[in-house]
Protein backbone atom coordinates (compact mmCIF):
# COMPACT_ATOMS: atom_id res chain seq x y z
CA UNK A 1 -16.04 -2.06 7.49
CA UNK A 2 -16.12 1.60 6.39
CA UNK A 3 -12.68 3.77 5.86
CA UNK A 4 -12.01 6.85 7.42
CA UNK A 5 -13.01 10.30 6.37
CA UNK A 6 -9.68 11.75 8.20
CA UNK A 7 -6.48 9.87 7.05
CA UNK A 8 -4.68 10.26 10.01
CA UNK A 9 -7.10 7.59 11.93
CA UNK A 10 -5.60 4.63 12.51
CA UNK A 11 -8.08 1.28 12.41
CA UNK A 12 -6.42 -2.08 14.40
CA UNK A 13 -7.78 -5.26 12.70
CA UNK A 14 -6.94 -8.65 13.24
CA UNK A 15 -5.18 -10.54 10.66
CA UNK A 16 -3.55 -13.08 8.60
CA UNK A 17 -1.12 -12.78 5.30
CA UNK A 18 -1.93 -15.23 2.64
CA UNK A 19 0.50 -15.50 -0.23
CA UNK A 20 -1.41 -17.26 -3.79
CA UNK A 21 -0.37 -18.25 -6.96
CA UNK A 22 -1.89 -16.41 -10.13
CA UNK A 23 -2.38 -19.12 -12.17
CA UNK A 24 -3.48 -21.39 -10.23
CA UNK A 25 -6.16 -19.17 -8.53
CA UNK A 26 -7.40 -16.94 -10.79
CA UNK A 27 -11.30 -17.81 -11.61
CA UNK A 28 -13.70 -15.63 -13.37
CA UNK A 29 -16.35 -14.35 -12.44
CA UNK A 30 -19.32 -11.89 -13.66
CA UNK A 31 -18.76 -8.05 -13.58
CA UNK A 32 -21.44 -6.80 -11.90
CA UNK A 33 -22.96 -3.16 -11.72
CA UNK A 34 -22.08 -0.93 -8.89
CA UNK A 35 -25.08 -1.48 -5.79
CA UNK A 36 -25.15 1.02 -2.75
CA UNK A 37 -22.04 0.25 -0.65
CA UNK A 38 -19.67 -1.58 -2.27
CA UNK A 39 -16.10 0.13 -2.00
CA UNK A 40 -12.81 -0.87 -4.76
CA UNK A 41 -10.55 0.40 -2.88
CA UNK A 42 -6.64 -0.84 -2.97
CA UNK A 43 -5.14 -1.00 -6.60
CA UNK A 44 -2.15 -2.25 -7.02
CA UNK A 45 -0.57 -2.85 -10.93
CA UNK A 46 1.05 -5.94 -11.53
CA UNK A 47 4.73 -5.79 -12.44
CA UNK A 48 3.79 -6.16 -15.85
CA UNK A 49 1.35 -3.23 -16.13
CA UNK A 50 -1.76 -5.38 -18.10
CA UNK A 51 -3.60 -5.87 -15.04
CA UNK A 52 -4.90 -4.85 -11.53
CA UNK A 53 -5.16 -6.11 -8.64
CA UNK A 54 -7.51 -4.51 -5.38
CA UNK A 55 -10.22 -5.54 -2.58
CA UNK A 56 -13.36 -5.34 -3.34
CA UNK A 57 -17.33 -5.40 -1.03
CA UNK A 58 -19.05 -6.47 -4.17
CA UNK A 59 -20.31 -9.83 -2.08
CA UNK A 60 -20.75 -8.31 1.14
CA UNK A 61 -17.30 -8.80 2.93
CA UNK A 62 -14.08 -7.91 0.99
CA UNK A 63 -12.38 -10.16 -0.96
CA UNK A 64 -9.33 -9.90 -4.04
CA UNK A 65 -10.39 -9.49 -7.07
CA UNK A 66 -7.79 -9.25 -10.53
CA UNK A 67 -9.04 -6.76 -13.20
CA UNK A 68 -6.98 -7.66 -16.64
CA UNK A 69 -6.41 -4.34 -18.42
CA UNK A 70 -6.43 -6.62 -22.24
CA UNK A 71 -8.73 -8.88 -21.52
CA UNK A 72 -11.13 -6.28 -19.63
CA UNK A 73 -11.98 -10.30 -17.63
CA UNK A 74 -12.12 -10.14 -14.02
CA UNK A 75 -11.29 -12.37 -11.67
CA UNK A 76 -11.71 -13.04 -8.03
CA UNK A 77 -8.94 -14.55 -5.98
CA UNK A 78 -9.90 -14.90 -2.40
CA UNK A 79 -12.91 -16.63 -1.30
CA UNK A 80 -14.10 -15.93 2.35
CA UNK A 81 -16.12 -14.93 4.55
CA UNK A 82 -13.61 -13.02 6.61
CA UNK A 83 -12.09 -9.48 4.86
CA UNK A 84 -8.92 -9.68 3.15
CA UNK A 85 -7.68 -6.27 2.35
CA UNK A 86 -3.87 -4.32 0.53
CA UNK A 87 -3.19 -7.32 -2.16
CA UNK A 88 0.70 -6.74 -3.55
CA UNK A 89 2.50 -8.68 -6.37
CA UNK A 90 5.33 -11.14 -6.28
CA UNK A 91 8.18 -9.23 -8.33
CA UNK A 92 7.54 -11.71 -11.03
CA UNK A 93 4.09 -10.99 -11.23
CA UNK A 94 2.92 -15.23 -9.33
CA UNK A 95 2.12 -14.52 -6.64
CA UNK A 96 -0.30 -12.10 -4.59
CA UNK A 97 0.46 -11.61 -0.97
CA UNK A 98 -2.51 -9.67 1.53
CA UNK A 99 -3.88 -8.81 4.50
CA UNK A 100 -7.10 -11.17 5.93
CA UNK A 101 -9.56 -11.05 9.07
CA UNK A 102 -10.23 -14.37 9.24
CA UNK A 103 -8.98 -16.36 12.36
CA UNK A 104 -5.96 -18.52 12.52
CA UNK A 105 -8.33 -22.00 12.61
CA UNK A 106 -6.43 -25.62 11.66
CA UNK A 107 -8.73 -25.47 8.69
CA UNK A 108 -8.88 -22.10 7.07
CA UNK A 109 -5.21 -23.36 5.09
CA UNK A 110 -7.98 -26.76 3.98
CA UNK A 111 -10.54 -24.77 2.75
CA UNK A 112 -9.39 -21.54 1.17
CA UNK A 113 -5.91 -21.77 -0.02
CA UNK A 114 -2.78 -23.92 0.44
CA UNK A 115 -0.52 -21.22 1.36
CA UNK A 116 -1.98 -19.62 5.50
CA UNK A 117 0.85 -17.34 6.25
CA UNK A 118 0.06 -15.88 10.10
CA UNK A 119 -2.27 -14.62 12.59
CA UNK A 120 -1.87 -11.65 14.72
CA UNK A 121 -3.06 -7.97 14.62
CA UNK A 122 -1.91 -5.93 11.81
CA UNK A 123 -3.27 -3.40 10.17
CA UNK A 124 -3.73 0.94 10.11
CA UNK A 125 -6.08 1.76 7.50
CA UNK A 126 -4.97 5.16 6.11
CA UNK A 127 -6.97 7.11 3.15
CA UNK A 128 -3.21 7.84 1.65
CA UNK A 129 -1.68 4.88 0.46
CA UNK A 130 -1.28 1.41 0.64
CA UNK A 131 1.49 1.70 3.54
CA UNK A 132 0.67 -1.12 5.34
CA UNK A 133 1.17 -3.88 1.99
CA UNK A 134 3.29 -6.22 2.40
CA UNK A 135 7.03 -6.03 0.96
CA UNK A 136 8.12 -8.71 -1.28
CA UNK A 137 12.05 -9.19 -1.20
CA UNK A 138 13.26 -7.95 -4.35
CA UNK A 139 14.00 -11.95 -5.42
CA UNK A 140 10.27 -12.76 -4.07
CA UNK A 141 11.42 -15.05 -2.02
CA UNK A 142 10.15 -13.95 1.11
CA UNK A 143 7.44 -11.22 2.88
CA UNK A 144 8.22 -8.59 5.68
CA UNK A 145 5.12 -7.55 7.37
CA UNK A 146 4.78 -5.62 10.90
CA UNK A 147 2.13 -7.65 13.23
CA UNK A 148 0.91 -7.00 16.29
CA UNK A 149 2.60 -9.37 19.40
CA UNK A 150 2.02 -9.32 23.03
CA UNK A 151 2.07 -5.90 23.53
CA UNK A 152 3.76 -4.34 20.61
CA UNK A 153 4.50 -4.04 16.40
CA UNK A 154 7.40 -5.95 15.58
CA UNK A 155 8.54 -7.01 11.96
CA UNK A 156 7.48 -10.37 10.49
CA UNK A 157 9.49 -12.36 7.67
CA UNK A 158 7.84 -15.81 6.12
CA UNK A 159 9.23 -17.26 3.48
CA UNK A 160 6.71 -16.58 -0.62
CA UNK A 161 4.49 -19.26 0.82
CA UNK A 162 3.65 -17.90 4.30
CA UNK A 163 5.17 -20.42 5.76
CA UNK A 164 9.28 -20.72 8.02
CA UNK A 165 7.78 -17.26 9.81
CA UNK A 166 10.38 -15.48 12.41
CA UNK A 167 10.62 -12.25 14.09
CA UNK A 168 13.51 -10.02 12.17
CA UNK A 169 12.55 -7.66 15.76
CA UNK A 170 11.21 -8.19 18.48
CA UNK A 171 11.21 -5.36 20.80
CA UNK A 172 8.41 -3.53 23.17
CA UNK A 173 8.77 -0.27 21.10
CA UNK A 174 6.21 0.25 18.16
CA UNK A 175 8.06 -0.93 14.45
CA UNK A 176 6.04 -0.43 11.60
CA UNK A 177 6.25 -0.12 8.23
CA UNK A 178 9.13 -1.39 6.67
CA UNK A 179 9.66 -1.89 3.46
CA UNK A 180 12.51 -3.92 1.44
CA UNK A 181 15.22 -1.72 -0.24
CA UNK A 182 15.99 -2.53 -3.78
CA UNK A 183 18.88 -4.23 -3.93
CA UNK A 184 16.94 -6.54 -1.11
CA UNK A 185 19.97 -5.26 1.71
CA UNK A 186 18.24 -2.87 4.00
CA UNK A 187 14.87 -2.76 5.41
CA UNK A 188 13.56 0.72 6.39
CA UNK A 189 11.24 1.33 8.75
CA UNK A 190 9.43 3.22 11.42
CA UNK A 191 10.40 2.71 15.52
CA UNK A 192 8.72 4.51 18.53
CA UNK A 193 12.00 3.88 20.21
CA UNK A 194 13.09 6.95 21.20
CA UNK A 195 9.10 7.73 22.42
CA UNK A 196 8.42 9.54 18.53
CA UNK A 197 8.08 8.33 15.86
CA UNK A 198 11.63 7.89 13.71
CA UNK A 199 12.47 6.18 10.62
CA UNK A 200 15.19 3.06 11.56
CA UNK A 201 17.40 1.41 8.48
CA UNK A 202 19.36 -2.09 9.06
CA UNK A 203 19.92 -4.53 7.88
CA UNK A 204 17.37 -7.50 6.53
CA UNK A 205 18.61 -9.76 9.01
CA UNK A 206 17.33 -6.85 11.75
CA UNK A 207 21.20 -6.36 12.45
CA UNK A 208 23.32 -3.05 12.46
CA UNK A 209 20.30 -0.83 12.76
CA UNK A 210 20.94 2.98 12.78
CA UNK A 211 18.34 5.94 13.14
CA UNK A 212 17.98 7.99 10.34
CA UNK A 213 15.64 10.63 11.70
CA UNK A 214 16.24 12.41 14.70
CA UNK A 215 13.01 15.06 14.32
CA UNK A 216 11.74 14.40 17.78
CA UNK A 217 7.78 14.30 15.47
CA UNK A 218 5.79 11.81 13.49
CA UNK A 219 7.87 10.51 10.96
CA UNK A 220 5.67 7.95 8.69
CA UNK A 221 5.12 5.38 6.11
CA UNK A 222 8.92 5.61 4.95
CA UNK A 223 9.90 4.36 1.06
CA UNK A 224 13.17 3.34 -1.25
CA UNK A 225 13.35 5.67 -4.62
CA UNK A 226 13.88 2.85 -7.05
CA UNK A 227 17.30 3.26 -7.27
CA UNK A 228 17.58 2.82 -3.74
CA UNK A 229 19.66 6.50 -3.36
CA UNK A 230 16.80 8.33 -1.27
CA UNK A 231 13.96 7.88 0.87
CA UNK A 232 10.65 9.58 1.20
CA UNK A 233 8.54 9.55 3.62
CA UNK A 234 5.99 12.32 5.43
CA UNK A 235 6.51 13.59 8.68
CA UNK A 236 4.80 16.64 10.77
CA UNK A 237 7.85 18.22 12.21
CA UNK A 238 6.61 21.23 10.85
CA UNK A 239 3.82 21.10 12.51
CA UNK A 240 1.57 19.78 10.01
CA UNK A 241 1.90 16.96 7.81
CA UNK A 242 4.21 17.78 4.63
CA UNK A 243 6.62 15.40 2.29
CA UNK A 244 9.84 14.73 3.44
CA UNK A 245 13.17 13.17 1.31
CA UNK A 246 16.92 12.43 2.71
CA UNK A 247 19.74 10.34 1.05
CA UNK A 248 19.50 6.78 2.45
CA UNK A 249 21.73 7.10 4.88
CA UNK A 250 20.08 9.50 6.86
CA UNK A 251 22.02 13.13 5.66
CA UNK A 252 20.69 15.77 3.35
CA UNK A 253 16.98 16.03 4.68
CA UNK A 254 14.66 18.45 2.10
CA UNK A 255 11.42 19.14 3.02
CA UNK A 256 9.20 19.13 -0.89
CA UNK A 257 5.95 20.48 0.32
CA UNK A 258 4.74 23.38 2.31
CA UNK A 259 1.38 23.58 3.30
CA UNK A 260 -1.16 23.58 6.00
CA UNK A 261 -3.52 21.19 4.79
CA UNK A 262 -2.43 17.56 4.76
CA UNK A 263 0.52 16.02 2.69
CA UNK A 264 0.35 12.17 2.90
CA UNK A 265 0.95 9.07 1.10
CA UNK A 266 4.22 9.84 -1.09
CA UNK A 267 4.40 7.42 -4.16
CA UNK A 268 6.81 7.13 -6.56
CA UNK A 269 7.05 6.87 -10.04
CA UNK A 270 8.57 3.25 -11.24
CA UNK A 271 11.09 6.02 -13.18
CA UNK A 272 12.24 7.84 -9.58
CA UNK A 273 11.43 11.02 -11.83
CA UNK A 274 7.39 11.85 -10.21
CA UNK A 275 6.25 11.50 -6.71
CA UNK A 276 2.31 10.77 -6.59
CA UNK A 277 1.01 11.57 -3.30
CA UNK A 278 -2.97 12.45 -1.73
CA UNK A 279 -3.80 16.45 -0.27
CA UNK A 280 -6.87 18.44 1.00
CA UNK A 281 -5.03 21.40 -0.23
CA UNK A 282 -8.11 22.14 -1.98
CA UNK A 283 -10.57 21.40 0.36
CA UNK A 284 -10.67 17.73 -0.22
CA UNK A 285 -8.86 15.01 -0.11
CA UNK A 286 -6.91 14.83 -4.71
CA UNK A 287 -3.61 13.48 -6.19
CA UNK A 288 -1.30 15.42 -6.70
CA UNK A 289 2.11 14.79 -8.26
CA UNK A 290 4.86 16.44 -8.15
CA UNK A 291 9.05 16.30 -9.72
CA UNK A 292 11.65 14.52 -6.74
CA UNK A 293 12.49 17.77 -6.08
CA UNK A 294 9.46 18.99 -4.98
CA UNK A 295 8.47 21.58 -7.83
CA UNK A 296 6.19 21.49 -10.29
CA UNK A 297 2.91 20.45 -8.00
CA UNK A 298 0.15 19.40 -10.24
CA UNK A 299 -3.13 18.65 -9.31
CA UNK A 300 -4.62 15.81 -11.24
CA UNK A 301 -7.89 15.47 -9.84
CA UNK A 302 -10.48 18.14 -9.39
CA UNK A 303 -13.57 15.76 -7.65
CA UNK A 304 -15.41 16.89 -4.55
CA UNK A 305 -15.18 13.69 -3.00
CA UNK A 306 -12.00 11.43 -1.46
CA UNK A 307 -9.76 10.36 -4.30
CA UNK A 308 -7.56 8.24 -2.46
CA UNK A 309 -4.20 5.47 -2.78
CA UNK A 310 -2.57 6.29 -5.92
CA UNK A 311 -0.63 3.22 -7.89
CA UNK A 312 1.60 3.93 -10.32
CA UNK A 313 1.72 1.82 -13.76
CA UNK A 314 4.72 -0.17 -14.29
CA UNK A 315 5.98 2.41 -17.25
CA UNK A 316 4.88 5.43 -15.08
CA UNK A 317 2.68 6.93 -18.01
CA UNK A 318 -0.52 6.26 -15.99
CA UNK A 319 -2.24 5.71 -12.18
CA UNK A 320 -4.45 4.14 -10.81
CA UNK A 321 -6.28 5.56 -7.65
CA UNK A 322 -9.54 4.97 -5.50
CA UNK A 323 -12.35 7.25 -5.56
CA UNK A 324 -16.23 8.11 -3.77
CA UNK A 325 -16.82 10.72 -6.66
CA UNK A 326 -19.82 8.14 -7.31
CA UNK A 327 -21.44 8.78 -4.32
CA UNK A 328 -23.09 5.23 -3.92
CA UNK A 329 -20.00 3.65 -4.41
CA UNK A 330 -16.17 3.40 -3.67
CA UNK A 331 -14.61 2.75 -7.49
CA UNK A 332 -11.27 2.42 -8.76
CA UNK A 333 -9.91 4.10 -11.59
CA UNK A 334 -7.04 4.76 -13.59
CA UNK A 335 -5.64 7.99 -15.54
CA UNK A 336 -2.94 9.22 -17.68
CA UNK A 337 0.28 10.29 -15.39
CA UNK A 338 -0.78 14.34 -16.48
CA UNK A 339 -4.40 13.10 -14.60
CA UNK A 340 -6.11 13.59 -17.89
CA UNK A 341 -8.61 10.62 -19.94
CA UNK A 342 -9.87 8.80 -15.80
CA UNK A 343 -11.54 5.97 -16.60
CA UNK A 344 -13.77 3.53 -14.39
CA UNK A 345 -12.27 -0.16 -13.79
CA UNK A 346 -15.16 -1.25 -11.21
CA UNK A 347 -18.77 -1.45 -11.53
CA UNK A 348 -19.24 -2.77 -15.30
CA UNK A 349 -15.72 -3.07 -15.93
CA UNK A 350 -15.51 -2.07 -18.78
CA UNK A 351 -12.26 0.16 -18.78
CA UNK A 352 -9.01 -0.94 -20.71
CA UNK A 353 -5.29 0.73 -20.07
CA UNK A 354 -5.40 3.34 -23.51
């Protein structure tokens, strides 16, 4: 499986969503040197900041791994011939939910995990940020995600163990990129209900659906600010993809970036004071940061390869990201929030958090 060279390209895959108990499923493995064609991607920090979950093809197909930054131990979470990707930690740090291309057969549960969630079509891999991550409720009791039904994508919910799946939306148009609000009461998402990809918000049960954007363009991957007062998203309303912000009710829309190249995948810092994003404004995709008003844009990575998937540490002092800078492999790196002290954590797995 190859990742797209151009960010807007979408790849649809058939998947299952899994939820795994970390304490019972962590199995130490021996870290190996990088070999050609290995891809380590989709980094996601644990809530306490001492571990990073990611997807790796080190064994030929994508599996979920966890790297402990304190003990420098690598542990394999999933073991299956299918591809597993987009891991995301539960708020309490005891569970990881992720997508898998394994088929929904009756024996999957017995062969692999105790908590099989669903089958269906998920996906839209992109090189900006993990917009296709399942979204955990703040209390850790449920997970929302988009799934392709017979004709369109809709938003589904399941409990933390992948049981009692229900549809939140059931429409013939597409509903994508759902994310719980920080208080768990609302869900923001993208819908093409109007014929354009606009951003909507609704109650967690699907009621009180409100359209927030009305600009007849592609408004993608909305994400809440940590305090729930603002929504960040990417839009091509000005002709190319830039980053925008608006109040949680859709008011006070502001454009944060102004550049003829792509500015994509904005991610809030946990303290809500900064935004990391991906841009090819320097000729290739690098990681940038800016203040929440769009000022003080800084290029954090400076490499002729592709740097993407930024993921903030909980203390907002470090950023993990994916990079193809070593040529024969795609690896996970971590750096300080100012772009200094970049070190690789995959490959030999010897980099700690300093």
